[in-house]
Amino acid sequence: MIAILSEHVRQHPPDGEPTHWLFDQGGKPWHDNLVDYRWRSTRADAGLAHKLHDLRHYFASGLIAAGCDVVTVQRAMGHSSATTTLNTYAHLWPTAEDKTRAAAAAMAAQVLATQSGRESSS
């Protein structure tokens, strides 16, 4: 599915041109009710419990886990302000303590790897 969607986006950049829409109903983009209906039908057929909105949260949390900053996530999510993004997702960004622990662990791993390399070569 990802390959199909990627190819569609490559061939048809999202520029608002109706002939480029991936899903349309009579030459118009799907409206909210139709999207919701299709998602609920697909979800039921697949035996899934996830709501469509859950995909937004998954996307945002993936961006944060990959190291994206607040403004980048805000823009990707279409939030009107960074405050909206932070009110929803602040708990997902690493704290200063998390970063300190990760940095200390990386330094310790590097020292241990260097020490291990010295011992094996002697």
Protein backbone atom coordinates (compact mmCIF):
# COMPACT_ATOMS: atom_id res chain seq x y z
CA MET A 1 0.00 0.00 0.00
CA ILE A 2 2.84 2.40 0.85
CA ALA A 3 4.45 1.78 -2.54
CA ILE A 4 1.15 2.47 -4.34
CA LEU A 5 0.53 5.69 -2.40
CA SER A 6 4.12 6.84 -2.85
CA GLU A 7 3.92 6.33 -6.59
CA HIS A 8 0.63 8.21 -6.77
CA VAL A 9 2.07 11.17 -4.86
CA ARG A 10 5.20 11.11 -7.04
CA GLN A 11 3.11 11.26 -10.22
CA HIS A 12 0.49 13.66 -8.86
CA PRO A 13 1.85 16.26 -6.46
CA PRO A 14 -0.87 17.52 -4.07
CA ASP A 15 -1.47 20.86 -5.77
CA GLY A 16 -5.27 21.00 -5.45
CA GLU A 17 -5.90 19.85 -9.03
CA PRO A 18 -9.03 17.60 -8.84
CA THR A 19 -7.66 15.14 -11.39
CA HIS A 20 -4.81 14.43 -8.95
CA TRP A 21 -6.96 13.45 -5.97
CA LEU A 22 -6.40 9.89 -4.85
CA PHE A 23 -9.98 9.43 -3.70
CA ASP A 24 -12.84 11.34 -5.28
CA GLN A 25 -16.59 11.15 -5.55
CA GLY A 26 -17.81 12.57 -8.85
CA GLY A 27 -14.68 14.70 -9.33
CA LYS A 28 -14.79 16.13 -5.80
CA PRO A 29 -12.70 15.06 -2.80
CA TRP A 30 -14.34 12.78 -0.28
CA HIS A 31 -16.20 14.69 2.42
CA ASP A 32 -15.79 13.86 6.11
CA ASN A 33 -18.84 11.63 6.34
CA LEU A 34 -17.76 9.50 3.38
CA VAL A 35 -14.22 9.17 4.72
CA ASP A 36 -15.58 8.13 8.12
CA TYR A 37 -18.01 5.64 6.55
CA ARG A 38 -15.28 4.06 4.40
CA TRP A 39 -12.89 3.85 7.34
CA ARG A 40 -15.51 2.24 9.61
CA SER A 41 -16.38 -0.30 6.89
CA THR A 42 -12.72 -1.13 6.25
CA ARG A 43 -12.00 -1.32 9.96
CA ALA A 44 -14.91 -3.70 10.53
CA ASP A 45 -13.90 -5.90 7.60
CA ALA A 46 -10.32 -6.07 8.89
CA GLY A 47 -11.40 -6.71 12.47
CA LEU A 48 -9.62 -3.61 13.78
CA ALA A 49 -10.66 -1.32 16.61
CA HIS A 50 -8.55 1.71 15.63
CA LYS A 51 -10.35 4.93 14.87
CA LEU A 52 -9.25 7.05 11.93
CA HIS A 53 -8.07 9.77 14.31
CA ASP A 54 -5.70 7.22 15.89
CA LEU A 55 -3.67 7.38 12.66
CA ARG A 56 -3.06 11.10 13.23
CA HIS A 57 -1.72 10.39 16.71
CA TYR A 58 0.45 7.57 15.35
CA PHE A 59 1.85 9.91 12.68
CA ALA A 60 2.58 12.69 15.18
CA SER A 61 4.21 10.35 17.68
CA GLY A 62 6.35 8.87 14.91
CA LEU A 63 7.57 12.33 13.91
CA ILE A 64 8.43 13.11 17.52
CA ALA A 65 10.22 9.78 18.00
CA ALA A 66 12.26 10.55 14.88
CA GLY A 67 13.44 13.80 16.48
CA CYS A 68 11.24 16.36 14.74
CA ASP A 69 10.83 19.67 16.55
CA VAL A 70 7.53 21.18 17.70
CA VAL A 71 7.08 23.50 14.72
CA THR A 72 7.71 20.70 12.22
CA VAL A 73 5.10 18.50 13.92
CA GLN A 74 2.70 21.45 14.18
CA ARG A 75 2.90 22.07 10.44
CA ALA A 76 2.62 18.39 9.53
CA MET A 77 -0.49 18.05 11.71
CA GLY A 78 -2.05 21.28 10.47
CA HIS A 79 -2.33 22.72 13.97
CA SER A 80 -2.94 26.46 14.12
CA SER A 81 -0.26 26.94 16.77
CA ALA A 82 2.62 25.14 18.43
CA THR A 83 0.65 25.44 21.67
CA THR A 84 -1.99 23.07 20.29
CA THR A 85 0.72 20.59 19.37
CA LEU A 86 2.39 20.84 22.76
CA ASN A 87 -0.91 20.55 24.64
CA THR A 88 -1.50 17.24 22.87
CA TYR A 89 1.97 15.74 22.50
CA ALA A 90 4.36 17.40 25.00
CA HIS A 91 4.65 14.17 26.98
CA LEU A 92 6.20 12.44 23.95
CA TRP A 93 9.22 14.72 23.57
CA PRO A 94 12.24 13.62 25.56
CA THR A 95 13.01 15.65 28.67
CA ALA A 96 16.42 17.09 29.48
CA GLU A 97 16.90 14.17 31.88
CA ASP A 98 16.11 11.69 29.09
CA LYS A 99 18.68 13.36 26.83
CA THR A 100 21.27 13.40 29.63
CA ARG A 101 20.78 9.69 30.35
CA ALA A 102 21.01 8.84 26.63
CA ALA A 103 24.19 10.91 26.24
CA ALA A 104 25.78 9.29 29.32
CA ALA A 105 24.85 5.82 28.06
CA ALA A 106 26.34 6.56 24.64
CA MET A 107 29.58 7.83 26.20
CA ALA A 108 29.82 4.77 28.47
CA ALA A 109 29.21 2.45 25.52
CA GLN A 110 31.93 4.18 23.53
CA VAL A 111 34.45 3.93 26.39
CA LEU A 112 33.59 0.28 27.00
CA ALA A 113 33.92 -0.51 23.30
CA THR A 114 37.32 1.22 23.20
CA GLN A 115 38.49 -0.62 26.34
CA SER A 116 37.25 -3.93 24.96
CA GLY A 117 39.13 -3.31 21.71
CA ARG A 118 42.37 -2.59 23.58
CA GLU A 119 42.10 -5.70 25.71
CA SER A 120 41.49 -7.99 22.74
CA SER A 121 44.46 -6.59 20.82
CA SER A 122 46.96 -7.13 23.68
